[in-house]
């Protein structure tokens, strides 16, 4: 976000909530309620987005894994070479 781009965020809330938030802001050492609200919203938003992205990544990883073990795909040269090297080492260990 550019520093020159500004947007306004207005909200109505119960007086008790505002007093609680102001008290927390004061205890947290924030200059004012706005700084506190922005800090808390940024922190919580980041956590929500990270959790969402990790879920998406794990779903994608699951799809890749299950596709690899369930689809009948011929191994490529690199995989065949690695398997061959592994078999040779195993054979030497067992001799």
Protein backbone atom coordinates (compact mmCIF):
# COMPACT_ATOMS: atom_id res chain seq x y z
CA UNK A 1 0.00 0.00 0.00
CA UNK A 2 1.38 3.39 -0.93
CA UNK A 3 1.78 5.83 1.94
CA UNK A 4 -0.16 8.45 -0.01
CA UNK A 5 -3.15 6.17 -0.57
CA UNK A 6 -5.55 6.50 2.31
CA UNK A 7 -8.95 5.03 3.00
CA UNK A 8 -11.35 5.59 5.83
CA UNK A 9 -12.81 2.89 8.06
CA UNK A 10 -15.75 3.83 10.25
CA UNK A 11 -17.58 1.60 12.66
CA UNK A 12 -20.23 1.80 15.31
CA UNK A 13 -19.81 -0.25 18.44
CA UNK A 14 -21.12 -0.38 21.98
CA UNK A 15 -19.61 2.16 24.37
CA UNK A 16 -18.31 -0.68 26.58
CA UNK A 17 -16.35 -2.12 23.67
CA UNK A 18 -14.79 1.22 22.84
CA UNK A 19 -13.79 1.74 26.46
CA UNK A 20 -12.27 -1.74 26.61
CA UNK A 21 -10.34 -1.18 23.37
CA UNK A 22 -9.10 2.22 24.55
CA UNK A 23 -7.92 0.71 27.83
CA UNK A 24 -6.10 -2.08 25.99
CA UNK A 25 -4.51 0.47 23.66
CA UNK A 26 -3.32 2.49 26.64
CA UNK A 27 -1.89 -0.59 28.38
CA UNK A 28 -0.23 -1.65 25.14
CA UNK A 29 1.56 1.67 24.81
CA UNK A 30 -0.22 2.76 21.64
CA UNK A 31 -0.58 6.49 20.89
CA UNK A 32 -4.29 6.20 20.32
CA UNK A 33 -7.14 3.82 19.61
CA UNK A 34 -6.62 4.05 15.85
CA UNK A 35 -3.00 2.85 16.09
CA UNK A 36 -4.09 -0.01 18.34
CA UNK A 37 -6.95 -1.10 16.08
CA UNK A 38 -4.74 -1.02 13.00
CA UNK A 39 -2.04 -3.02 14.78
CA UNK A 40 -4.47 -5.68 16.02
CA UNK A 41 -6.27 -5.93 12.68
CA UNK A 42 -3.01 -6.29 10.75
CA UNK A 43 -1.76 -8.96 13.14
CA UNK A 44 -4.98 -10.98 13.09
CA UNK A 45 -5.43 -10.56 9.32
CA UNK A 46 -1.93 -11.86 8.70
CA UNK A 47 -2.58 -14.93 10.85
CA UNK A 48 -5.87 -15.67 9.08
CA UNK A 49 -4.26 -15.33 5.65
CA UNK A 50 -1.28 -17.51 6.62
CA UNK A 51 -3.61 -20.22 7.94
CA UNK A 52 -5.71 -20.07 4.78
CA UNK A 53 -2.64 -20.28 2.55
CA UNK A 54 -1.21 -23.21 4.51
CA UNK A 55 -4.49 -25.09 4.12
CA UNK A 56 -4.46 -24.45 0.38
CA UNK A 57 -0.84 -25.54 0.15
CA UNK A 58 -1.50 -28.73 2.08
CA UNK A 59 -4.50 -29.54 -0.12
CA UNK A 60 -2.38 -29.00 -3.22
CA UNK A 61 0.37 -31.18 -1.72
CA UNK A 62 -2.21 -33.88 -0.99
CA UNK A 63 -3.43 -33.78 -4.59
CA UNK A 64 0.11 -34.04 -5.92
CA UNK A 65 0.93 -36.92 -3.58
CA UNK A 66 -2.21 -38.91 -4.28
CA UNK A 67 -1.91 -38.31 -8.01
CA UNK A 68 1.65 -39.63 -7.85
CA UNK A 69 0.69 -42.84 -6.08
CA UNK A 70 -2.64 -43.53 -7.78
CA UNK A 71 -2.03 -42.60 -11.40
CA UNK A 72 -0.24 -45.03 -13.66
CA UNK A 73 2.64 -42.75 -14.68
CA UNK A 74 5.91 -44.10 -16.06
CA UNK A 75 8.96 -42.95 -14.01
CA UNK A 76 11.26 -40.48 -15.77
CA UNK A 77 15.00 -41.02 -16.43
CA UNK A 78 16.08 -39.31 -13.22
CA UNK A 79 13.85 -41.49 -11.07
CA UNK A 80 14.95 -44.66 -12.86
CA UNK A 81 18.60 -43.67 -12.39
CA UNK A 82 18.09 -42.94 -8.70
CA UNK A 83 16.33 -46.29 -8.20
CA UNK A 84 19.15 -48.10 -9.98
CA UNK A 85 21.81 -46.42 -7.81
CA UNK A 86 19.81 -47.25 -4.69
CA UNK A 87 19.48 -50.91 -5.69
CA UNK A 88 23.26 -51.13 -6.30
CA UNK A 89 24.05 -49.68 -2.87
CA UNK A 90 21.57 -51.98 -1.16
CA UNK A 91 23.09 -54.96 -2.96
CA UNK A 92 26.61 -54.00 -1.77
CA UNK A 93 25.42 -53.60 1.85
CA UNK A 94 23.77 -57.02 1.81
CA UNK A 95 26.82 -58.84 0.36
